């Protein structure tokens, strides 16, 4: 059984239907104390590489290319992806991110990527 995969900004309060909250950022978000974050797992290694993140800089003109490069990184990073898929098989998961850009963030790309992998099974 596959459970829900949600995305939620870390600056939004957690909800009871979040399931397991997984931070999918390489850097800890500014202004959030670890004790207040309600994060169950910090999966840094699944986040975009520092080089890709610095190149992208949330520039809307680079969004399409960013998505392609990040999916390529995920393809090459099979262990964390596999671990995350196993977690999703066991419970609902919320991918927690810090970006202000709600539609243009790496957690959304990761969510879509995971949905496609699940559909292929």
PDB file of N, CA and C in Angstrom:
ATOM      1  N   UNK A   1       0.842  -1.189   0.000  1.00  0.00           N
ATOM      2  CA  UNK A   1       0.000   0.000   0.000  1.00  0.00           C
ATOM      3  C   UNK A   1       0.882   1.246   0.000  1.00  0.00           C
ATOM      4  N   UNK A   2       0.529   2.198  -0.822  1.00  0.00           N
ATOM      5  CA  UNK A   2       1.262   3.455  -0.883  1.00  0.00           C
ATOM      6  C   UNK A   2       0.427   4.523  -0.186  1.00  0.00           C
ATOM      7  N   UNK A   3       1.083   5.299   0.598  1.00  0.00           N
ATOM      8  CA  UNK A   3       0.410   6.342   1.356  1.00  0.00           C
ATOM      9  C   UNK A   3       0.579   7.701   0.673  1.00  0.00           C
ATOM     10  N   UNK A   4      -0.040   8.702   1.239  1.00  0.00           N
ATOM     11  CA  UNK A   4       0.008  10.057   0.681  1.00  0.00           C
ATOM     12  C   UNK A   4       1.386  10.676   0.825  1.00  0.00           C
ATOM     13  N   UNK A   5       1.728  11.500  -0.159  1.00  0.00           N
ATOM     14  CA  UNK A   5       2.958  12.299  -0.122  1.00  0.00           C
ATOM     15  C   UNK A   5       2.512  13.754  -0.221  1.00  0.00           C
ATOM     16  N   UNK A   6       2.731  14.500   0.839  1.00  0.00           N
ATOM     17  CA  UNK A   6       2.362  15.915   0.859  1.00  0.00           C
ATOM     18  C   UNK A   6       3.627  16.762   0.887  1.00  0.00           C
ATOM     19  N   UNK A   7       3.471  18.019   0.547  1.00  0.00           N
ATOM     20  CA  UNK A   7       4.540  19.003   0.699  1.00  0.00           C
ATOM     21  C   UNK A   7       4.019  20.110   1.621  1.00  0.00           C
ATOM     22  N   UNK A   8       4.882  20.565   2.512  1.00  0.00           N
ATOM     23  CA  UNK A   8       4.480  21.641   3.416  1.00  0.00           C
ATOM     24  C   UNK A   8       5.713  22.479   3.755  1.00  0.00           C
ATOM     25  N   UNK A   9       5.515  23.756   3.743  1.00  0.00           N
ATOM     26  CA  UNK A   9       6.592  24.683   4.116  1.00  0.00           C
ATOM     27  C   UNK A   9       6.849  24.587   5.612  1.00  0.00           C
ATOM     28  N   UNK A  10       8.098  24.586   6.011  1.00  0.00           N
ATOM     29  CA  UNK A  10       8.463  24.410   7.416  1.00  0.00           C
ATOM     30  C   UNK A  10       7.933  25.541   8.300  1.00  0.00           C
ATOM     31  N   UNK A  11       7.680  26.686   7.704  1.00  0.00           N
ATOM     32  CA  UNK A  11       7.199  27.826   8.475  1.00  0.00           C
ATOM     33  C   UNK A  11       5.697  27.742   8.759  1.00  0.00           C
ATOM     34  N   UNK A  12       5.027  26.739   8.188  1.00  0.00           N
ATOM     35  CA  UNK A  12       3.615  26.490   8.476  1.00  0.00           C
ATOM     36  C   UNK A  12       3.542  25.509   9.651  1.00  0.00           C
ATOM     37  N   UNK A  13       2.572  25.683  10.542  1.00  0.00           N
ATOM     38  CA  UNK A  13       2.494  24.760  11.679  1.00  0.00           C
ATOM     39  C   UNK A  13       2.168  23.337  11.213  1.00  0.00           C
ATOM     40  N   UNK A  14       2.738  22.340  11.888  1.00  0.00           N
ATOM     41  CA  UNK A  14       2.426  20.959  11.532  1.00  0.00           C
ATOM     42  C   UNK A  14       0.943  20.667  11.807  1.00  0.00           C
ATOM     43  N   UNK A  15       0.422  19.682  11.086  1.00  0.00           N
ATOM     44  CA  UNK A  15      -0.959  19.263  11.300  1.00  0.00           C
ATOM     45  C   UNK A  15      -0.977  17.782  11.675  1.00  0.00           C
ATOM     46  N   UNK A  16      -2.099  17.338  12.191  1.00  0.00           N
ATOM     47  CA  UNK A  16      -2.203  15.947  12.623  1.00  0.00           C
ATOM     48  C   UNK A  16      -2.180  14.974  11.455  1.00  0.00           C
ATOM     49  N   UNK A  17      -2.493  15.427  10.247  1.00  0.00           N
ATOM     50  CA  UNK A  17      -2.484  14.521   9.091  1.00  0.00           C
ATOM     51  C   UNK A  17      -1.178  14.559   8.296  1.00  0.00           C
ATOM     52  N   UNK A  18      -0.143  15.176   8.851  1.00  0.00           N
ATOM     53  CA  UNK A  18       1.150  15.237   8.161  1.00  0.00           C
ATOM     54  C   UNK A  18       1.810  13.869   8.023  1.00  0.00           C
ATOM     55  N   UNK A  19       1.539  12.966   8.923  1.00  0.00           N
ATOM     56  CA  UNK A  19       2.274  11.704   8.919  1.00  0.00           C
ATOM     57  C   UNK A  19       3.712  11.963   9.328  1.00  0.00           C
ATOM     58  N   UNK A  20       4.627  11.254   8.728  1.00  0.00           N
ATOM     59  CA  UNK A  20       6.049  11.457   9.020  1.00  0.00           C
ATOM     60  C   UNK A  20       6.521  12.710   8.303  1.00  0.00           C
ATOM     61  N   UNK A  21       7.088  13.639   9.052  1.00  0.00           N
ATOM     62  CA  UNK A  21       7.574  14.906   8.486  1.00  0.00           C
ATOM     63  C   UNK A  21       9.059  14.778   8.184  1.00  0.00           C
ATOM     64  N   UNK A  22       9.399  14.912   6.896  1.00  0.00           N
ATOM     65  CA  UNK A  22      10.778  14.722   6.446  1.00  0.00           C
ATOM     66  C   UNK A  22      11.277  16.024   5.829  1.00  0.00           C
ATOM     67  N   UNK A  23      12.297  16.602   6.434  1.00  0.00           N
ATOM     68  CA  UNK A  23      12.921  17.800   5.884  1.00  0.00           C
ATOM     69  C   UNK A  23      13.784  17.384   4.705  1.00  0.00           C
ATOM     70  N   UNK A  24      13.521  17.972   3.539  1.00  0.00           N
ATOM     71  CA  UNK A  24      14.236  17.607   2.314  1.00  0.00           C
ATOM     72  C   UNK A  24      15.059  18.793   1.812  1.00  0.00           C
ATOM     73  N   UNK A  25      15.740  19.431   2.726  1.00  0.00           N
ATOM     74  CA  UNK A  25      16.631  20.565   2.445  1.00  0.00           C
ATOM     75  C   UNK A  25      18.037  20.190   2.886  1.00  0.00           C
ATOM     76  N   UNK A  26      19.020  20.682   2.173  1.00  0.00           N
ATOM     77  CA  UNK A  26      20.408  20.406   2.535  1.00  0.00           C
ATOM     78  C   UNK A  26      20.848  21.266   3.727  1.00  0.00           C
ATOM     79  N   UNK A  27      20.272  22.456   3.841  1.00  0.00           N
ATOM     80  CA  UNK A  27      20.608  23.372   4.931  1.00  0.00           C
ATOM     81  C   UNK A  27      19.413  23.509   5.868  1.00  0.00           C
ATOM     82  N   UNK A  28      19.695  23.675   7.159  1.00  0.00           N
ATOM     83  CA  UNK A  28      18.604  23.876   8.116  1.00  0.00           C
ATOM     84  C   UNK A  28      17.968  25.252   7.856  1.00  0.00           C
ATOM     85  N   UNK A  29      16.636  25.321   7.814  1.00  0.00           N
ATOM     86  CA  UNK A  29      15.949  26.594   7.525  1.00  0.00           C
ATOM     87  C   UNK A  29      16.217  27.672   8.575  1.00  0.00           C
ATOM     88  N   UNK A  30      16.351  28.880   8.110  1.00  0.00           N
ATOM     89  CA  UNK A  30      16.607  30.024   9.002  1.00  0.00           C
ATOM     90  C   UNK A  30      15.420  30.289   9.913  1.00  0.00           C
ATOM     91  N   UNK A  31      15.733  30.666  11.147  1.00  0.00           N
ATOM     92  CA  UNK A  31      14.709  31.110  12.076  1.00  0.00           C
ATOM     93  C   UNK A  31      13.868  30.014  12.690  1.00  0.00           C
ATOM     94  N   UNK A  32      14.190  28.762  12.438  1.00  0.00           N
ATOM     95  CA  UNK A  32      13.429  27.639  12.995  1.00  0.00           C
ATOM     96  C   UNK A  32      14.333  26.879  13.964  1.00  0.00           C
ATOM     97  N   UNK A  33      13.851  26.761  15.193  1.00  0.00           N
ATOM     98  CA  UNK A  33      14.592  25.959  16.173  1.00  0.00           C
ATOM     99  C   UNK A  33      14.287  24.487  15.926  1.00  0.00           C
ATOM    100  N   UNK A  34      15.304  23.670  16.024  1.00  0.00           N
ATOM    101  CA  UNK A  34      15.108  22.236  15.784  1.00  0.00           C
ATOM    102  C   UNK A  34      14.051  21.659  16.718  1.00  0.00           C
ATOM    103  N   UNK A  35      14.008  22.145  17.933  1.00  0.00           N
ATOM    104  CA  UNK A  35      13.024  21.646  18.899  1.00  0.00           C
ATOM    105  C   UNK A  35      11.590  21.990  18.494  1.00  0.00           C
ATOM    106  N   UNK A  36      11.406  23.053  17.715  1.00  0.00           N
ATOM    107  CA  UNK A  36      10.065  23.494  17.318  1.00  0.00           C
ATOM    108  C   UNK A  36       9.645  23.010  15.924  1.00  0.00           C
ATOM    109  N   UNK A  37      10.523  22.357  15.226  1.00  0.00           N
ATOM    110  CA  UNK A  37      10.281  22.046  13.814  1.00  0.00           C
ATOM    111  C   UNK A  37       9.368  20.848  13.576  1.00  0.00           C
ATOM    112  N   UNK A  38       9.230  19.973  14.561  1.00  0.00           N
ATOM    113  CA  UNK A  38       8.414  18.758  14.420  1.00  0.00           C
ATOM    114  C   UNK A  38       8.851  17.927  13.213  1.00  0.00           C
ATOM    115  N   UNK A  39      10.157  17.795  13.050  1.00  0.00           N
ATOM    116  CA  UNK A  39      10.736  17.014  11.956  1.00  0.00           C
ATOM    117  C   UNK A  39      11.087  15.623  12.490  1.00  0.00           C
ATOM    118  N   UNK A  40      10.625  14.596  11.779  1.00  0.00           N
ATOM    119  CA  UNK A  40      10.931  13.220  12.172  1.00  0.00           C
ATOM    120  C   UNK A  40      12.240  12.729  11.567  1.00  0.00           C
ATOM    121  N   UNK A  41      12.578  13.267  10.386  1.00  0.00           N
ATOM    122  CA  UNK A  41      13.783  12.834   9.682  1.00  0.00           C
ATOM    123  C   UNK A  41      14.282  13.985   8.826  1.00  0.00           C
ATOM    124  N   UNK A  42      15.583  14.208   8.858  1.00  0.00           N
ATOM    125  CA  UNK A  42      16.198  15.217   7.989  1.00  0.00           C
ATOM    126  C   UNK A  42      16.977  14.448   6.933  1.00  0.00           C
ATOM    127  N   UNK A  43      16.478  14.449   5.708  1.00  0.00           N
ATOM    128  CA  UNK A  43      17.069  13.680   4.613  1.00  0.00           C
ATOM    129  C   UNK A  43      17.834  14.634   3.690  1.00  0.00           C
ATOM    130  N   UNK A  44      18.969  15.118   4.178  1.00  0.00           N
ATOM    131  CA  UNK A  44      19.781  16.102   3.443  1.00  0.00           C
ATOM    132  C   UNK A  44      20.229  15.593   2.078  1.00  0.00           C
ATOM    133  N   UNK A  45      20.575  14.296   2.039  1.00  0.00           N
ATOM    134  CA  UNK A  45      21.188  13.746   0.832  1.00  0.00           C
ATOM    135  C   UNK A  45      20.232  13.638  -0.352  1.00  0.00           C
ATOM    136  N   UNK A  46      18.945  13.872  -0.137  1.00  0.00           N
ATOM    137  CA  UNK A  46      17.990  13.823  -1.247  1.00  0.00           C
ATOM    138  C   UNK A  46      17.738  15.210  -1.837  1.00  0.00           C
ATOM    139  N   UNK A  47      18.242  16.229  -1.182  1.00  0.00           N
ATOM    140  CA  UNK A  47      18.071  17.612  -1.649  1.00  0.00           C
ATOM    141  C   UNK A  47      18.951  17.867  -2.875  1.00  0.00           C
ATOM    142  N   UNK A  48      18.623  18.890  -3.644  1.00  0.00           N
ATOM    143  CA  UNK A  48      19.493  19.246  -4.783  1.00  0.00           C
ATOM    144  C   UNK A  48      20.921  19.540  -4.306  1.00  0.00           C
ATOM    145  N   UNK A  49      21.863  19.268  -5.159  1.00  0.00           N
ATOM    146  CA  UNK A  49      23.262  19.537  -4.822  1.00  0.00           C
ATOM    147  C   UNK A  49      23.460  21.030  -4.580  1.00  0.00           C
ATOM    148  N   UNK A  50      24.470  21.382  -3.788  1.00  0.00           N
ATOM    149  CA  UNK A  50      24.745  22.806  -3.580  1.00  0.00           C
ATOM    150  C   UNK A  50      24.976  23.561  -4.892  1.00  0.00           C
ATOM    151  N   UNK A  51      25.650  22.924  -5.845  1.00  0.00           N
ATOM    152  CA  UNK A  51      25.917  23.576  -7.125  1.00  0.00           C
ATOM    153  C   UNK A  51      24.616  23.878  -7.867  1.00  0.00           C
ATOM    154  N   UNK A  52      23.697  22.919  -7.898  1.00  0.00           N
ATOM    155  CA  UNK A  52      22.428  23.122  -8.591  1.00  0.00           C
ATOM    156  C   UNK A  52      21.586  24.180  -7.877  1.00  0.00           C
ATOM    157  N   UNK A  53      21.535  24.112  -6.561  1.00  0.00           N
ATOM    158  CA  UNK A  53      20.757  25.075  -5.782  1.00  0.00           C
ATOM    159  C   UNK A  53      21.288  26.495  -5.997  1.00  0.00           C
ATOM    160  N   UNK A  54      22.609  26.656  -5.983  1.00  0.00           N
ATOM    161  CA  UNK A  54      23.201  27.983  -6.174  1.00  0.00           C
ATOM    162  C   UNK A  54      22.976  28.484  -7.590  1.00  0.00           C
ATOM    163  N   UNK A  55      23.025  27.594  -8.562  1.00  0.00           N
ATOM    164  CA  UNK A  55      22.775  28.000  -9.944  1.00  0.00           C
ATOM    165  C   UNK A  55      21.328  28.446 -10.116  1.00  0.00           C
ATOM    166  N   UNK A  56      20.396  27.711  -9.556  1.00  0.00           N
ATOM    167  CA  UNK A  56      18.963  27.989  -9.731  1.00  0.00           C
ATOM    168  C   UNK A  56      18.539  29.310  -9.089  1.00  0.00           C
ATOM    169  N   UNK A  57      18.857  29.504  -7.831  1.00  0.00           N
ATOM    170  CA  UNK A  57      18.521  30.726  -7.087  1.00  0.00           C
ATOM    171  C   UNK A  57      17.054  31.148  -7.259  1.00  0.00           C
ATOM    172  N   UNK A  58      16.159  30.181  -7.418  1.00  0.00           N
ATOM    173  CA  UNK A  58      14.712  30.419  -7.562  1.00  0.00           C
ATOM    174  C   UNK A  58      14.389  31.416  -8.667  1.00  0.00           C
ATOM    175  N   UNK A  59      15.189  31.359  -9.723  1.00  0.00           N
ATOM    176  CA  UNK A  59      14.960  32.188 -10.901  1.00  0.00           C
ATOM    177  C   UNK A  59      13.915  31.490 -11.774  1.00  0.00           C
ATOM    178  N   UNK A  60      12.731  32.075 -11.951  1.00  0.00           N
ATOM    179  CA  UNK A  60      11.683  31.428 -12.738  1.00  0.00           C
ATOM    180  C   UNK A  60      12.133  31.040 -14.149  1.00  0.00           C
ATOM    181  N   UNK A  61      13.064  31.778 -14.716  1.00  0.00           N
ATOM    182  CA  UNK A  61      13.555  31.465 -16.060  1.00  0.00           C
ATOM    183  C   UNK A  61      14.363  30.157 -16.082  1.00  0.00           C
ATOM    184  N   UNK A  62      14.832  29.716 -14.918  1.00  0.00           N
ATOM    185  CA  UNK A  62      15.641  28.499 -14.834  1.00  0.00           C
ATOM    186  C   UNK A  62      14.849  27.299 -14.307  1.00  0.00           C
ATOM    187  N   UNK A  63      13.569  27.477 -14.009  1.00  0.00           N
ATOM    188  CA  UNK A  63      12.763  26.442 -13.366  1.00  0.00           C
ATOM    189  C   UNK A  63      12.743  25.127 -14.159  1.00  0.00           C
ATOM    190  N   UNK A  64      12.473  25.181 -15.431  1.00  0.00           N
ATOM    191  CA  UNK A  64      12.386  23.961 -16.242  1.00  0.00           C
ATOM    192  C   UNK A  64      13.718  23.217 -16.259  1.00  0.00           C
ATOM    193  N   UNK A  65      14.791  23.944 -16.448  1.00  0.00           N
ATOM    194  CA  UNK A  65      16.116  23.321 -16.477  1.00  0.00           C
ATOM    195  C   UNK A  65      16.481  22.783 -15.096  1.00  0.00           C
ATOM    196  N   UNK A  66      16.130  23.525 -14.044  1.00  0.00           N
ATOM    197  CA  UNK A  66      16.377  23.058 -12.682  1.00  0.00           C
ATOM    198  C   UNK A  66      15.699  21.710 -12.448  1.00  0.00           C
ATOM    199  N   UNK A  67      14.435  21.601 -12.842  1.00  0.00           N
ATOM    200  CA  UNK A  67      13.701  20.349 -12.652  1.00  0.00           C
ATOM    201  C   UNK A  67      14.399  19.181 -13.357  1.00  0.00           C
ATOM    202  N   UNK A  68      14.842  19.406 -14.580  1.00  0.00           N
ATOM    203  CA  UNK A  68      15.531  18.356 -15.336  1.00  0.00           C
ATOM    204  C   UNK A  68      16.812  17.915 -14.628  1.00  0.00           C
ATOM    205  N   UNK A  69      17.597  18.892 -14.189  1.00  0.00           N
ATOM    206  CA  UNK A  69      18.869  18.572 -13.522  1.00  0.00           C
ATOM    207  C   UNK A  69      18.631  17.889 -12.175  1.00  0.00           C
ATOM    208  N   UNK A  70      17.618  18.340 -11.445  1.00  0.00           N
ATOM    209  CA  UNK A  70      17.340  17.721 -10.151  1.00  0.00           C
ATOM    210  C   UNK A  70      16.857  16.281 -10.334  1.00  0.00           C
ATOM    211  N   UNK A  71      16.021  16.029 -11.321  1.00  0.00           N
ATOM    212  CA  UNK A  71      15.593  14.648 -11.601  1.00  0.00           C
ATOM    213  C   UNK A  71      16.794  13.778 -11.982  1.00  0.00           C
ATOM    214  N   UNK A  72      17.733  14.343 -12.727  1.00  0.00           N
ATOM    215  CA  UNK A  72      18.959  13.606 -13.058  1.00  0.00           C
ATOM    216  C   UNK A  72      19.739  13.267 -11.787  1.00  0.00           C
ATOM    217  N   UNK A  73      19.821  14.227 -10.872  1.00  0.00           N
ATOM    218  CA  UNK A  73      20.502  13.962  -9.596  1.00  0.00           C
ATOM    219  C   UNK A  73      19.780  12.872  -8.811  1.00  0.00           C
ATOM    220  N   UNK A  74      18.447  12.903  -8.810  1.00  0.00           N
ATOM    221  CA  UNK A  74      17.686  11.873  -8.102  1.00  0.00           C
ATOM    222  C   UNK A  74      17.909  10.502  -8.731  1.00  0.00           C
ATOM    223  N   UNK A  75      17.963  10.449 -10.051  1.00  0.00           N
ATOM    224  CA  UNK A  75      18.238   9.179 -10.747  1.00  0.00           C
ATOM    225  C   UNK A  75      19.587   8.603 -10.314  1.00  0.00           C
ATOM    226  N   UNK A  76      20.558   9.462 -10.104  1.00  0.00           N
ATOM    227  CA  UNK A  76      21.904   9.031  -9.729  1.00  0.00           C
ATOM    228  C   UNK A  76      22.050   8.806  -8.226  1.00  0.00           C
ATOM    229  N   UNK A  77      21.013   9.099  -7.463  1.00  0.00           N
ATOM    230  CA  UNK A  77      21.066   9.055  -6.003  1.00  0.00           C
ATOM    231  C   UNK A  77      20.053   8.029  -5.495  1.00  0.00           C
ATOM    232  N   UNK A  78      20.199   6.789  -5.928  1.00  0.00           N
ATOM    233  CA  UNK A  78      19.148   5.785  -5.729  1.00  0.00           C
ATOM    234  C   UNK A  78      18.928   5.374  -4.275  1.00  0.00           C
ATOM    235  N   UNK A  79      19.956   5.378  -3.443  1.00  0.00           N
ATOM    236  CA  UNK A  79      19.775   4.901  -2.061  1.00  0.00           C
ATOM    237  C   UNK A  79      18.805   5.769  -1.257  1.00  0.00           C
ATOM    238  N   UNK A  80      18.988   7.100  -1.190  1.00  0.00           N
ATOM    239  CA  UNK A  80      18.015   7.911  -0.446  1.00  0.00           C
ATOM    240  C   UNK A  80      16.613   7.859  -1.057  1.00  0.00           C
ATOM    241  N   UNK A  81      16.527   7.776  -2.379  1.00  0.00           N
ATOM    242  CA  UNK A  81      15.221   7.676  -3.035  1.00  0.00           C
ATOM    243  C   UNK A  81      14.550   6.370  -2.626  1.00  0.00           C
ATOM    244  N   UNK A  82      15.287   5.278  -2.652  1.00  0.00           N
ATOM    245  CA  UNK A  82      14.751   3.980  -2.255  1.00  0.00           C
ATOM    246  C   UNK A  82      14.302   3.996  -0.793  1.00  0.00           C
ATOM    247  N   UNK A  83      15.115   4.583   0.076  1.00  0.00           N
ATOM    248  CA  UNK A  83      14.756   4.690   1.493  1.00  0.00           C
ATOM    249  C   UNK A  83      13.465   5.469   1.680  1.00  0.00           C
ATOM    250  N   UNK A  84      13.317   6.541   0.944  1.00  0.00           N
ATOM    251  CA  UNK A  84      12.107   7.354   1.030  1.00  0.00           C
ATOM    252  C   UNK A  84      10.898   6.582   0.512  1.00  0.00           C
ATOM    253  N   UNK A  85      11.055   5.842  -0.556  1.00  0.00           N
ATOM    254  CA  UNK A  85       9.954   5.025  -1.078  1.00  0.00           C
ATOM    255  C   UNK A  85       9.494   3.987  -0.055  1.00  0.00           C
ATOM    256  N   UNK A  86      10.427   3.397   0.672  1.00  0.00           N
ATOM    257  CA  UNK A  86      10.071   2.429   1.715  1.00  0.00           C
ATOM    258  C   UNK A  86       9.272   3.101   2.832  1.00  0.00           C
ATOM    259  N   UNK A  87       9.649   4.309   3.189  1.00  0.00           N
ATOM    260  CA  UNK A  87       8.900   5.040   4.217  1.00  0.00           C
ATOM    261  C   UNK A  87       7.475   5.321   3.746  1.00  0.00           C
ATOM    262  N   UNK A  88       7.333   5.677   2.481  1.00  0.00           N
ATOM    263  CA  UNK A  88       6.015   6.000   1.918  1.00  0.00           C
ATOM    264  C   UNK A  88       5.129   4.757   1.878  1.00  0.00           C
ATOM    265  N   UNK A  89       5.732   3.603   1.710  1.00  0.00           N
ATOM    266  CA  UNK A  89       4.954   2.363   1.729  1.00  0.00           C
ATOM    267  C   UNK A  89       4.358   2.100   3.115  1.00  0.00           C
ATOM    268  N   UNK A  90       4.982   2.625   4.152  1.00  0.00           N
ATOM    269  CA  UNK A  90       4.562   2.340   5.526  1.00  0.00           C
ATOM    270  C   UNK A  90       3.633   3.392   6.123  1.00  0.00           C
ATOM    271  N   UNK A  91       3.678   4.630   5.617  1.00  0.00           N
ATOM    272  CA  UNK A  91       2.901   5.699   6.260  1.00  0.00           C
ATOM    273  C   UNK A  91       2.782   6.899   5.340  1.00  0.00           C
ATOM    274  N   UNK A  92       1.879   7.815   5.689  1.00  0.00           N
ATOM    275  CA  UNK A  92       1.811   9.100   4.991  1.00  0.00           C
ATOM    276  C   UNK A  92       3.082   9.878   5.292  1.00  0.00           C
ATOM    277  N   UNK A  93       3.524  10.650   4.327  1.00  0.00           N
ATOM    278  CA  UNK A  93       4.761  11.421   4.462  1.00  0.00           C
ATOM    279  C   UNK A  93       4.505  12.851   4.011  1.00  0.00           C
ATOM    280  N   UNK A  94       5.077  13.787   4.748  1.00  0.00           N
ATOM    281  CA  UNK A  94       5.068  15.184   4.331  1.00  0.00           C
ATOM    282  C   UNK A  94       6.508  15.607   4.077  1.00  0.00           C
ATOM    283  N   UNK A  95       6.778  16.040   2.846  1.00  0.00           N
ATOM    284  CA  UNK A  95       8.094  16.562   2.477  1.00  0.00           C
ATOM    285  C   UNK A  95       8.124  18.025   2.903  1.00  0.00           C
ATOM    286  N   UNK A  96       8.984  18.341   3.831  1.00  0.00           N
ATOM    287  CA  UNK A  96       9.045  19.682   4.401  1.00  0.00           C
ATOM    288  C   UNK A  96      10.181  20.450   3.740  1.00  0.00           C
ATOM    289  N   UNK A  97       9.876  21.679   3.334  1.00  0.00           N
ATOM    290  CA  UNK A  97      10.846  22.513   2.625  1.00  0.00           C
ATOM    291  C   UNK A  97      10.809  23.927   3.206  1.00  0.00           C
ATOM    292  N   UNK A  98      11.769  24.744   2.821  1.00  0.00           N
ATOM    293  CA  UNK A  98      11.863  26.097   3.352  1.00  0.00           C
ATOM    294  C   UNK A  98      11.560  27.184   2.331  1.00  0.00           C
ATOM    295  N   UNK A  99      11.649  26.888   1.068  1.00  0.00           N
ATOM    296  CA  UNK A  99      11.540  27.908   0.022  1.00  0.00           C
ATOM    297  C   UNK A  99      10.228  28.681   0.088  1.00  0.00           C
ATOM    298  N   UNK A 100      10.296  29.964  -0.214  1.00  0.00           N
ATOM    299  CA  UNK A 100       9.093  30.798  -0.292  1.00  0.00           C
ATOM    300  C   UNK A 100       8.291  30.487  -1.549  1.00  0.00           C
ATOM    301  N   UNK A 101       8.997  30.080  -2.574  1.00  0.00           N
ATOM    302  CA  UNK A 101       8.399  29.822  -3.882  1.00  0.00           C
ATOM    303  C   UNK A 101       7.673  28.478  -3.829  1.00  0.00           C
ATOM    304  N   UNK A 102       6.374  28.512  -3.533  1.00  0.00           N
ATOM    305  CA  UNK A 102       5.626  27.283  -3.321  1.00  0.00           C
ATOM    306  C   UNK A 102       5.602  26.393  -4.558  1.00  0.00           C
ATOM    307  N   UNK A 103       5.224  26.869  -5.745  1.00  0.00           N
ATOM    308  CA  UNK A 103       5.211  25.927  -6.862  1.00  0.00           C
ATOM    309  C   UNK A 103       6.603  25.623  -7.406  1.00  0.00           C
ATOM    310  N   UNK A 104       7.568  26.500  -7.185  1.00  0.00           N
ATOM    311  CA  UNK A 104       8.889  26.336  -7.780  1.00  0.00           C
ATOM    312  C   UNK A 104       9.931  25.906  -6.779  1.00  0.00           C
ATOM    313  N   UNK A 105       9.681  24.809  -6.063  1.00  0.00           N
ATOM    314  CA  UNK A 105      10.674  24.373  -5.091  1.00  0.00           C
ATOM    315  C   UNK A 105      11.006  22.897  -5.300  1.00  0.00           C
ATOM    316  N   UNK A 106      12.126  22.490  -4.763  1.00  0.00           N
ATOM    317  CA  UNK A 106      12.618  21.132  -4.993  1.00  0.00           C
ATOM    318  C   UNK A 106      11.735  20.064  -4.358  1.00  0.00           C
ATOM    319  N   UNK A 107      11.034  20.368  -3.278  1.00  0.00           N
ATOM    320  CA  UNK A 107      10.158  19.370  -2.661  1.00  0.00           C
ATOM    321  C   UNK A 107       9.041  18.970  -3.622  1.00  0.00           C
ATOM    322  N   UNK A 108       8.516  19.911  -4.374  1.00  0.00           N
ATOM    323  CA  UNK A 108       7.468  19.610  -5.352  1.00  0.00           C
ATOM    324  C   UNK A 108       8.026  18.730  -6.477  1.00  0.00           C
ATOM    325  N   UNK A 109       9.234  19.014  -6.921  1.00  0.00           N
ATOM    326  CA  UNK A 109       9.870  18.178  -7.943  1.00  0.00           C
ATOM    327  C   UNK A 109      10.046  16.762  -7.392  1.00  0.00           C
ATOM    328  N   UNK A 110      10.508  16.668  -6.150  1.00  0.00           N
ATOM    329  CA  UNK A 110      10.702  15.364  -5.513  1.00  0.00           C
ATOM    330  C   UNK A 110       9.374  14.625  -5.372  1.00  0.00           C
ATOM    331  N   UNK A 111       8.328  15.323  -4.959  1.00  0.00           N
ATOM    332  CA  UNK A 111       7.007  14.705  -4.832  1.00  0.00           C
ATOM    333  C   UNK A 111       6.552  14.122  -6.183  1.00  0.00           C
ATOM    334  N   UNK A 112       6.652  14.901  -7.242  1.00  0.00           N
ATOM    335  CA  UNK A 112       6.269  14.435  -8.578  1.00  0.00           C
ATOM    336  C   UNK A 112       7.127  13.243  -9.019  1.00  0.00           C
ATOM    337  N   UNK A 113       8.412  13.310  -8.740  1.00  0.00           N
ATOM    338  CA  UNK A 113       9.345  12.234  -9.086  1.00  0.00           C
ATOM    339  C   UNK A 113       8.946  10.942  -8.379  1.00  0.00           C
ATOM    340  N   UNK A 114       8.638  11.028  -7.087  1.00  0.00           N
ATOM    341  CA  UNK A 114       8.242   9.852  -6.315  1.00  0.00           C
ATOM    342  C   UNK A 114       6.922   9.276  -6.825  1.00  0.00           C
ATOM    343  N   UNK A 115       5.966  10.153  -7.142  1.00  0.00           N
ATOM    344  CA  UNK A 115       4.694   9.673  -7.692  1.00  0.00           C
ATOM    345  C   UNK A 115       4.918   8.887  -8.985  1.00  0.00           C
ATOM    346  N   UNK A 116       5.796   9.370  -9.844  1.00  0.00           N
ATOM    347  CA  UNK A 116       6.069   8.670 -11.105  1.00  0.00           C
ATOM    348  C   UNK A 116       6.731   7.310 -10.846  1.00  0.00           C
ATOM    349  N   UNK A 117       7.652   7.245  -9.895  1.00  0.00           N
ATOM    350  CA  UNK A 117       8.284   5.967  -9.568  1.00  0.00           C
ATOM    351  C   UNK A 117       7.263   4.975  -9.033  1.00  0.00           C
ATOM    352  N   UNK A 118       6.371   5.448  -8.200  1.00  0.00           N
ATOM    353  CA  UNK A 118       5.339   4.576  -7.622  1.00  0.00           C
ATOM    354  C   UNK A 118       4.413   4.059  -8.707  1.00  0.00           C
ATOM    355  N   UNK A 119       4.061   4.916  -9.655  1.00  0.00           N
ATOM    356  CA  UNK A 119       3.178   4.501 -10.758  1.00  0.00           C
ATOM    357  C   UNK A 119       3.844   3.445 -11.644  1.00  0.00           C
ATOM    358  N   UNK A 120       5.162   3.498 -11.749  1.00  0.00           N
ATOM    359  CA  UNK A 120       5.892   2.565 -12.603  1.00  0.00           C
ATOM    360  C   UNK A 120       5.991   1.171 -11.966  1.00  0.00           C
ATOM    361  N   UNK A 121       5.775   1.069 -10.664  1.00  0.00           N
ATOM    362  CA  UNK A 121       5.897  -0.230  -9.970  1.00  0.00           C
ATOM    363  C   UNK A 121       4.797  -1.175 -10.382  1.00  0.00           C
TER     364      UNK A 121
END
